Amino acid sequence: MKTVFQKPASFDRKWYIIDAEGKVLGRLASRIAAIARGKNKANFVPHQEMGDFVVVINAEKVKITGRKAQQKMYYKHTGYVGGLKVSNFEKVMERHPTMPLEAALKGMLPKGPMGRKIAKNIKIYAGANHPHSAQNPITLEL
């Protein structure tokens, strides 16, 4: 079986805008990752970066189910001995409202150079304002 390569000129790269207000974190992240990777296209190949650009607004209003607001932990290490910093979802949302969605998306994208390139095509904003109106993004309702 031959490996299929799509020419970059044949990609139809669109801009989508998604409102995260009231959406569940994991379900939203999986849909965004699929669109950014290009899995919603008929000519998808896993070894090429061919996905669309996604602008996410109102990331500070994303919700999670159950008691995860107190129980879900985010870990960060300073690099020093004993430098593990742990904080729950509520504290992280106060300081960095976009970080939980970014972390969820990072876990759902491929690891390595292609995953880092796809992650740059996702723009996440805490509020309703974004600087990408010149790209005429299409509103996508999930």
N, C-alpha and C. Protein backbone atom coordinates (compact mmCIF):
# COMPACT_ATOMS: atom_id res chain seq x y z
N MET A 1 0.84 -1.18 0.00
CA MET A 1 0.00 0.00 0.00
C MET A 1 0.88 1.24 0.00
N LYS A 2 0.55 2.21 -0.85
CA LYS A 2 1.33 3.42 -0.97
C LYS A 2 0.92 4.44 0.09
N THR A 3 1.90 5.21 0.54
CA THR A 3 1.62 6.29 1.48
C THR A 3 1.06 7.47 0.70
N VAL A 4 -0.03 8.00 1.19
CA VAL A 4 -0.69 9.11 0.51
C VAL A 4 -0.15 10.42 1.07
N PHE A 5 0.27 11.32 0.18
CA PHE A 5 0.72 12.65 0.57
C PHE A 5 -0.19 13.68 -0.08
N GLN A 6 -0.72 14.56 0.72
CA GLN A 6 -1.55 15.64 0.20
C GLN A 6 -0.66 16.85 -0.06
N LYS A 7 -0.90 17.55 -1.15
CA LYS A 7 -0.14 18.76 -1.43
C LYS A 7 -0.68 19.90 -0.56
N PRO A 8 0.20 20.71 0.02
CA PRO A 8 -0.28 21.81 0.88
C PRO A 8 -1.21 22.78 0.17
N ALA A 9 -1.10 22.91 -1.13
CA ALA A 9 -1.99 23.80 -1.87
C ALA A 9 -3.42 23.26 -1.91
N SER A 10 -3.59 21.96 -1.72
CA SER A 10 -4.92 21.37 -1.78
C SER A 10 -5.67 21.47 -0.45
N PHE A 11 -5.00 21.91 0.61
CA PHE A 11 -5.66 22.05 1.91
C PHE A 11 -6.58 23.26 1.89
N ASP A 12 -7.77 23.07 2.35
CA ASP A 12 -8.71 24.19 2.51
C ASP A 12 -8.72 24.53 3.99
N ARG A 13 -7.85 25.45 4.42
CA ARG A 13 -7.69 25.80 5.83
C ARG A 13 -8.66 26.92 6.18
N LYS A 14 -9.56 26.62 7.10
CA LYS A 14 -10.56 27.61 7.52
C LYS A 14 -10.28 28.05 8.95
N TRP A 15 -10.90 29.14 9.33
CA TRP A 15 -10.84 29.65 10.70
C TRP A 15 -12.21 29.44 11.33
N TYR A 16 -12.22 28.83 12.50
CA TYR A 16 -13.46 28.62 13.25
C TYR A 16 -13.38 29.34 14.58
N ILE A 17 -14.52 29.82 15.06
CA ILE A 17 -14.59 30.43 16.38
C ILE A 17 -15.58 29.61 17.21
N ILE A 18 -15.16 29.25 18.42
CA ILE A 18 -15.98 28.42 19.30
C ILE A 18 -16.15 29.14 20.62
N ASP A 19 -17.40 29.25 21.07
CA ASP A 19 -17.70 29.86 22.36
C ASP A 19 -17.73 28.75 23.41
N ALA A 20 -16.85 28.85 24.40
CA ALA A 20 -16.71 27.79 25.41
C ALA A 20 -17.62 27.99 26.61
N GLU A 21 -18.45 29.01 26.59
CA GLU A 21 -19.29 29.31 27.75
C GLU A 21 -20.29 28.18 28.00
N GLY A 22 -20.22 27.60 29.20
CA GLY A 22 -21.14 26.55 29.59
C GLY A 22 -20.83 25.17 29.04
N LYS A 23 -19.74 25.01 28.31
CA LYS A 23 -19.38 23.71 27.73
C LYS A 23 -18.53 22.92 28.73
N VAL A 24 -18.62 21.61 28.66
CA VAL A 24 -17.83 20.73 29.52
C VAL A 24 -16.41 20.66 28.96
N LEU A 25 -15.42 20.77 29.84
CA LEU A 25 -14.02 20.91 29.46
C LEU A 25 -13.52 19.79 28.54
N GLY A 26 -13.67 18.55 28.93
CA GLY A 26 -13.12 17.44 28.16
C GLY A 26 -13.78 17.24 26.81
N ARG A 27 -15.10 17.36 26.78
CA ARG A 27 -15.82 17.20 25.52
C ARG A 27 -15.47 18.31 24.54
N LEU A 28 -15.35 19.52 25.05
CA LEU A 28 -14.97 20.65 24.22
C LEU A 28 -13.55 20.47 23.67
N ALA A 29 -12.63 20.05 24.53
CA ALA A 29 -11.24 19.88 24.12
C ALA A 29 -11.09 18.80 23.05
N SER A 30 -11.85 17.72 23.16
CA SER A 30 -11.73 16.65 22.16
C SER A 30 -12.24 17.11 20.79
N ARG A 31 -13.31 17.90 20.77
CA ARG A 31 -13.82 18.42 19.50
C ARG A 31 -12.85 19.41 18.88
N ILE A 32 -12.27 20.29 19.71
CA ILE A 32 -11.30 21.28 19.21
C ILE A 32 -10.06 20.57 18.66
N ALA A 33 -9.57 19.55 19.37
CA ALA A 33 -8.38 18.82 18.91
C ALA A 33 -8.63 18.13 17.58
N ALA A 34 -9.80 17.57 17.40
CA ALA A 34 -10.12 16.89 16.13
C ALA A 34 -10.16 17.89 14.97
N ILE A 35 -10.73 19.06 15.20
CA ILE A 35 -10.81 20.07 14.14
C ILE A 35 -9.43 20.62 13.83
N ALA A 36 -8.64 20.90 14.86
CA ALA A 36 -7.30 21.45 14.64
C ALA A 36 -6.37 20.45 13.96
N ARG A 37 -6.60 19.18 14.19
CA ARG A 37 -5.77 18.16 13.57
C ARG A 37 -6.21 17.86 12.14
N GLY A 38 -7.48 18.11 11.81
CA GLY A 38 -7.97 17.86 10.47
C GLY A 38 -8.73 16.57 10.33
N LYS A 39 -9.13 15.96 11.44
CA LYS A 39 -9.82 14.68 11.38
C LYS A 39 -11.23 14.80 10.84
N ASN A 40 -11.75 16.01 10.74
CA ASN A 40 -13.09 16.19 10.19
C ASN A 40 -13.09 16.29 8.67
N LYS A 41 -11.94 16.15 8.05
CA LYS A 41 -11.83 16.26 6.59
C LYS A 41 -11.74 14.89 5.95
N ALA A 42 -12.22 14.79 4.74
CA ALA A 42 -12.24 13.51 4.04
C ALA A 42 -10.85 13.07 3.61
N ASN A 43 -9.95 14.02 3.37
CA ASN A 43 -8.60 13.68 2.90
C ASN A 43 -7.58 13.69 4.05
N PHE A 44 -7.99 13.35 5.26
CA PHE A 44 -7.10 13.34 6.42
C PHE A 44 -6.04 12.26 6.31
N VAL A 45 -4.81 12.65 6.57
CA VAL A 45 -3.71 11.69 6.71
C VAL A 45 -3.02 12.01 8.03
N PRO A 46 -2.68 11.01 8.83
CA PRO A 46 -2.18 11.28 10.18
C PRO A 46 -0.78 11.86 10.25
N HIS A 47 0.00 11.80 9.17
CA HIS A 47 1.38 12.25 9.23
C HIS A 47 1.57 13.65 8.67
N GLN A 48 0.48 14.35 8.32
CA GLN A 48 0.59 15.71 7.81
C GLN A 48 -0.28 16.64 8.63
N GLU A 49 0.19 17.88 8.79
CA GLU A 49 -0.54 18.89 9.53
C GLU A 49 -1.43 19.63 8.54
N MET A 50 -2.73 19.33 8.58
CA MET A 50 -3.65 19.86 7.58
C MET A 50 -4.93 20.40 8.19
N GLY A 51 -4.94 20.61 9.49
CA GLY A 51 -6.15 21.02 10.19
C GLY A 51 -6.48 22.48 10.03
N ASP A 52 -7.58 22.87 10.63
CA ASP A 52 -8.05 24.23 10.56
C ASP A 52 -7.59 25.02 11.78
N PHE A 53 -7.74 26.34 11.71
CA PHE A 53 -7.41 27.21 12.82
C PHE A 53 -8.65 27.35 13.70
N VAL A 54 -8.46 27.32 15.02
CA VAL A 54 -9.58 27.39 15.95
C VAL A 54 -9.33 28.52 16.94
N VAL A 55 -10.31 29.42 17.07
CA VAL A 55 -10.27 30.49 18.06
C VAL A 55 -11.32 30.16 19.12
N VAL A 56 -10.90 30.04 20.37
CA VAL A 56 -11.80 29.70 21.47
C VAL A 56 -11.96 30.95 22.34
N ILE A 57 -13.20 31.39 22.54
CA ILE A 57 -13.47 32.54 23.39
C ILE A 57 -14.23 32.08 24.64
N ASN A 58 -14.21 32.91 25.66
CA ASN A 58 -14.87 32.65 26.94
C ASN A 58 -14.36 31.37 27.60
N ALA A 59 -13.06 31.15 27.55
CA ALA A 59 -12.48 29.96 28.16
C ALA A 59 -12.60 29.99 29.68
N GLU A 60 -12.77 31.17 30.25
CA GLU A 60 -12.91 31.27 31.71
C GLU A 60 -14.27 30.77 32.19
N LYS A 61 -15.22 30.58 31.27
CA LYS A 61 -16.57 30.15 31.64
C LYS A 61 -16.82 28.68 31.33
N VAL A 62 -15.75 27.92 31.09
CA VAL A 62 -15.89 26.49 30.84
C VAL A 62 -16.25 25.82 32.16
N LYS A 63 -17.01 24.73 32.08
CA LYS A 63 -17.41 24.06 33.32
C LYS A 63 -16.90 22.63 33.33
N ILE A 64 -16.89 22.05 34.52
CA ILE A 64 -16.54 20.65 34.68
C ILE A 64 -17.61 20.01 35.54
N THR A 65 -17.74 18.72 35.43
CA THR A 65 -18.83 18.02 36.10
C THR A 65 -18.38 17.45 37.44
N GLY A 66 -19.34 17.15 38.26
CA GLY A 66 -19.07 16.51 39.54
C GLY A 66 -18.31 17.41 40.50
N ARG A 67 -17.45 16.80 41.30
CA ARG A 67 -16.67 17.54 42.29
C ARG A 67 -15.24 17.78 41.81
N LYS A 68 -15.05 17.78 40.50
CA LYS A 68 -13.71 17.94 39.96
C LYS A 68 -13.11 19.31 40.25
N ALA A 69 -13.93 20.31 40.52
CA ALA A 69 -13.41 21.64 40.82
C ALA A 69 -12.48 21.61 42.03
N GLN A 70 -12.78 20.76 43.01
CA GLN A 70 -11.92 20.63 44.17
C GLN A 70 -10.94 19.46 44.04
N GLN A 71 -11.30 18.43 43.28
CA GLN A 71 -10.50 17.21 43.25
C GLN A 71 -9.48 17.14 42.11
N LYS A 72 -9.73 17.83 41.00
CA LYS A 72 -8.81 17.76 39.86
C LYS A 72 -7.58 18.60 40.17
N MET A 73 -6.42 17.98 40.10
CA MET A 73 -5.17 18.64 40.45
C MET A 73 -4.30 18.86 39.22
N TYR A 74 -3.61 19.99 39.23
CA TYR A 74 -2.64 20.33 38.20
C TYR A 74 -1.27 20.41 38.86
N TYR A 75 -0.28 19.77 38.24
CA TYR A 75 1.04 19.67 38.82
C TYR A 75 2.05 20.47 38.00
N LYS A 76 2.97 21.13 38.71
CA LYS A 76 4.02 21.89 38.07
C LYS A 76 5.27 21.72 38.91
N HIS A 77 6.42 21.53 38.28
CA HIS A 77 7.66 21.36 39.03
C HIS A 77 8.60 22.50 38.70
N THR A 78 9.23 23.06 39.74
CA THR A 78 10.13 24.20 39.56
C THR A 78 11.49 23.78 39.01
N GLY A 79 11.84 22.52 39.16
CA GLY A 79 13.15 22.05 38.73
C GLY A 79 14.10 21.85 39.90
N TYR A 80 13.72 22.34 41.05
CA TYR A 80 14.52 22.16 42.25
C TYR A 80 14.03 20.96 43.04
N VAL A 81 14.86 20.45 43.94
CA VAL A 81 14.49 19.32 44.77
C VAL A 81 13.32 19.72 45.65
N GLY A 82 12.27 18.92 45.64
CA GLY A 82 11.09 19.22 46.45
C GLY A 82 10.26 20.36 45.90
N GLY A 83 10.42 20.68 44.64
CA GLY A 83 9.76 21.84 44.05
C GLY A 83 8.46 21.52 43.34
N LEU A 84 7.73 20.52 43.79
CA LEU A 84 6.46 20.17 43.15
C LEU A 84 5.37 21.11 43.65
N LYS A 85 4.71 21.79 42.73
CA LYS A 85 3.61 22.70 43.07
C LYS A 85 2.31 22.06 42.61
N VAL A 86 1.35 21.98 43.50
CA VAL A 86 0.07 21.34 43.21
C VAL A 86 -1.04 22.35 43.48
N SER A 87 -1.98 22.47 42.54
CA SER A 87 -3.13 23.34 42.75
C SER A 87 -4.35 22.70 42.08
N ASN A 88 -5.51 22.96 42.64
CA ASN A 88 -6.73 22.37 42.09
C ASN A 88 -7.32 23.26 41.00
N PHE A 89 -8.39 22.79 40.38
CA PHE A 89 -9.00 23.47 39.24
C PHE A 89 -9.45 24.88 39.60
N GLU A 90 -10.05 25.07 40.77
CA GLU A 90 -10.55 26.39 41.16
C GLU A 90 -9.42 27.42 41.24
N LYS A 91 -8.31 27.05 41.86
CA LYS A 91 -7.19 27.98 42.00
C LYS A 91 -6.55 28.30 40.66
N VAL A 92 -6.45 27.30 39.80
CA VAL A 92 -5.86 27.52 38.48
C VAL A 92 -6.73 28.46 37.66
N MET A 93 -8.05 28.31 37.75
CA MET A 93 -8.97 29.17 37.00
C MET A 93 -8.90 30.62 37.48
N GLU A 94 -8.60 30.84 38.75
CA GLU A 94 -8.46 32.21 39.25
C GLU A 94 -7.23 32.89 38.66
N ARG A 95 -6.10 32.16 38.59
CA ARG A 95 -4.85 32.76 38.14
C ARG A 95 -4.72 32.77 36.62
N HIS A 96 -4.96 31.60 36.00
CA HIS A 96 -4.79 31.46 34.55
C HIS A 96 -6.04 30.80 33.98
N PRO A 97 -7.05 31.57 33.58
CA PRO A 97 -8.31 30.97 33.15
C PRO A 97 -8.22 30.12 31.89
N THR A 98 -7.19 30.28 31.09
CA THR A 98 -7.08 29.50 29.86
C THR A 98 -6.28 28.22 30.04
N MET A 99 -5.56 28.07 31.15
CA MET A 99 -4.64 26.95 31.33
C MET A 99 -5.30 25.58 31.36
N PRO A 100 -6.45 25.37 32.02
CA PRO A 100 -7.05 24.03 31.99
C PRO A 100 -7.41 23.56 30.59
N LEU A 101 -7.93 24.46 29.76
CA LEU A 101 -8.27 24.08 28.38
C LEU A 101 -7.00 23.82 27.57
N GLU A 102 -5.96 24.63 27.77
CA GLU A 102 -4.69 24.40 27.08
C GLU A 102 -4.09 23.05 27.47
N ALA A 103 -4.14 22.71 28.75
CA ALA A 103 -3.59 21.45 29.22
C ALA A 103 -4.38 20.26 28.68
N ALA A 104 -5.70 20.39 28.62
CA ALA A 104 -6.53 19.32 28.08
C ALA A 104 -6.24 19.11 26.60
N LEU A 105 -6.08 20.20 25.85
CA LEU A 105 -5.79 20.10 24.42
C LEU A 105 -4.40 19.52 24.18
N LYS A 106 -3.43 19.91 25.00
CA LYS A 106 -2.08 19.40 24.84
C LYS A 106 -2.04 17.89 25.01
N GLY A 107 -2.85 17.36 25.92
CA GLY A 107 -2.89 15.93 26.12
C GLY A 107 -3.57 15.18 25.00
N MET A 108 -4.42 15.85 24.22
CA MET A 108 -5.16 15.20 23.15
C MET A 108 -4.49 15.31 21.79
N LEU A 109 -3.45 16.12 21.69
CA LEU A 109 -2.75 16.28 20.42
C LEU A 109 -1.56 15.32 20.37
N PRO A 110 -1.04 15.04 19.15
CA PRO A 110 0.12 14.16 19.04
C PRO A 110 1.33 14.77 19.75
N LYS A 111 2.19 13.90 20.24
CA LYS A 111 3.40 14.37 20.90
C LYS A 111 4.49 14.55 19.85
N GLY A 112 5.34 15.56 20.02
CA GLY A 112 6.43 15.80 19.09
C GLY A 112 6.23 17.07 18.29
N PRO A 113 7.03 17.25 17.25
CA PRO A 113 7.00 18.49 16.46
C PRO A 113 5.65 18.77 15.81
N MET A 114 4.97 17.74 15.33
CA MET A 114 3.68 17.98 14.68
C MET A 114 2.63 18.43 15.68
N GLY A 115 2.63 17.86 16.86
CA GLY A 115 1.69 18.28 17.89
C GLY A 115 1.91 19.71 18.33
N ARG A 116 3.17 20.13 18.43
CA ARG A 116 3.48 21.51 18.80
C ARG A 116 3.05 22.48 17.70
N LYS A 117 3.17 22.08 16.45
CA LYS A 117 2.73 22.92 15.33
C LYS A 117 1.21 23.05 15.33
N ILE A 118 0.50 21.96 15.58
CA ILE A 118 -0.96 21.99 15.62
C ILE A 118 -1.42 22.86 16.79
N ALA A 119 -0.73 22.79 17.92
CA ALA A 119 -1.10 23.58 19.09
C ALA A 119 -1.01 25.08 18.81
N LYS A 120 -0.13 25.49 17.92
CA LYS A 120 -0.01 26.91 17.57
C LYS A 120 -1.20 27.38 16.74
N ASN A 121 -1.96 26.46 16.15
CA ASN A 121 -3.12 26.83 15.35
C ASN A 121 -4.38 27.01 16.20
N ILE A 122 -4.25 26.81 17.51
CA ILE A 122 -5.39 26.97 18.42
C ILE A 122 -5.14 28.21 19.26
N LYS A 123 -6.04 29.17 19.19
CA LYS A 123 -5.92 30.42 19.94
C LYS A 123 -7.01 30.42 21.01
N ILE A 124 -6.61 30.58 22.27
CA ILE A 124 -7.55 30.51 23.38
C ILE A 124 -7.55 31.85 24.11
N TYR A 125 -8.75 32.41 24.34
CA TYR A 125 -8.90 33.69 25.01
C TYR A 125 -9.89 33.55 26.16
N ALA A 126 -9.58 34.19 27.30
CA ALA A 126 -10.42 34.08 28.49
C ALA A 126 -11.75 34.80 28.29
N GLY A 127 -11.74 35.94 27.65
CA GLY A 127 -12.95 36.72 27.46
C GLY A 127 -13.55 36.54 26.09
N ALA A 128 -14.48 37.46 25.76
CA ALA A 128 -15.19 37.37 24.49
C ALA A 128 -14.47 38.08 23.35
N ASN A 129 -13.45 38.87 23.66
CA ASN A 129 -12.74 39.62 22.63
C ASN A 129 -11.56 38.81 22.09
N HIS A 130 -11.32 38.95 20.78
CA HIS A 130 -10.18 38.28 20.15
C HIS A 130 -9.71 39.12 18.98
N PRO A 131 -8.41 39.07 18.63
CA PRO A 131 -7.88 39.90 17.54
C PRO A 131 -7.91 39.23 16.16
N HIS A 132 -8.76 38.23 15.94
CA HIS A 132 -8.74 37.48 14.69
C HIS A 132 -9.96 37.75 13.82
N SER A 133 -10.56 38.92 13.96
CA SER A 133 -11.75 39.22 13.16
C SER A 133 -11.41 39.41 11.68
N ALA A 134 -10.16 39.74 11.36
CA ALA A 134 -9.76 39.93 9.97
C ALA A 134 -9.77 38.62 9.19
N GLN A 135 -9.67 37.48 9.88
CA GLN A 135 -9.67 36.18 9.22
C GLN A 135 -11.09 35.69 8.94
N ASN A 136 -12.10 36.43 9.35
CA ASN A 136 -13.51 36.08 9.16
C ASN A 136 -13.81 34.65 9.63
N PRO A 137 -13.63 34.40 10.94
CA PRO A 137 -13.86 33.03 11.42
C PRO A 137 -15.34 32.65 11.36
N ILE A 138 -15.57 31.38 11.09
CA ILE A 138 -16.93 30.84 11.02
C ILE A 138 -17.32 30.37 12.43
N THR A 139 -18.47 30.82 12.88
CA THR A 139 -18.95 30.40 14.20
C THR A 139 -19.35 28.94 14.15
N LEU A 140 -18.80 28.16 15.06
CA LEU A 140 -19.06 26.72 15.11
C LEU A 140 -19.74 26.41 16.42
N GLU A 141 -20.93 25.86 16.35
CA GLU A 141 -21.69 25.49 17.53
C GLU A 141 -21.48 24.01 17.82
N LEU A 142 -20.96 23.72 19.01
CA LEU A 142 -20.70 22.32 19.38
C LEU A 142 -21.80 21.80 20.26
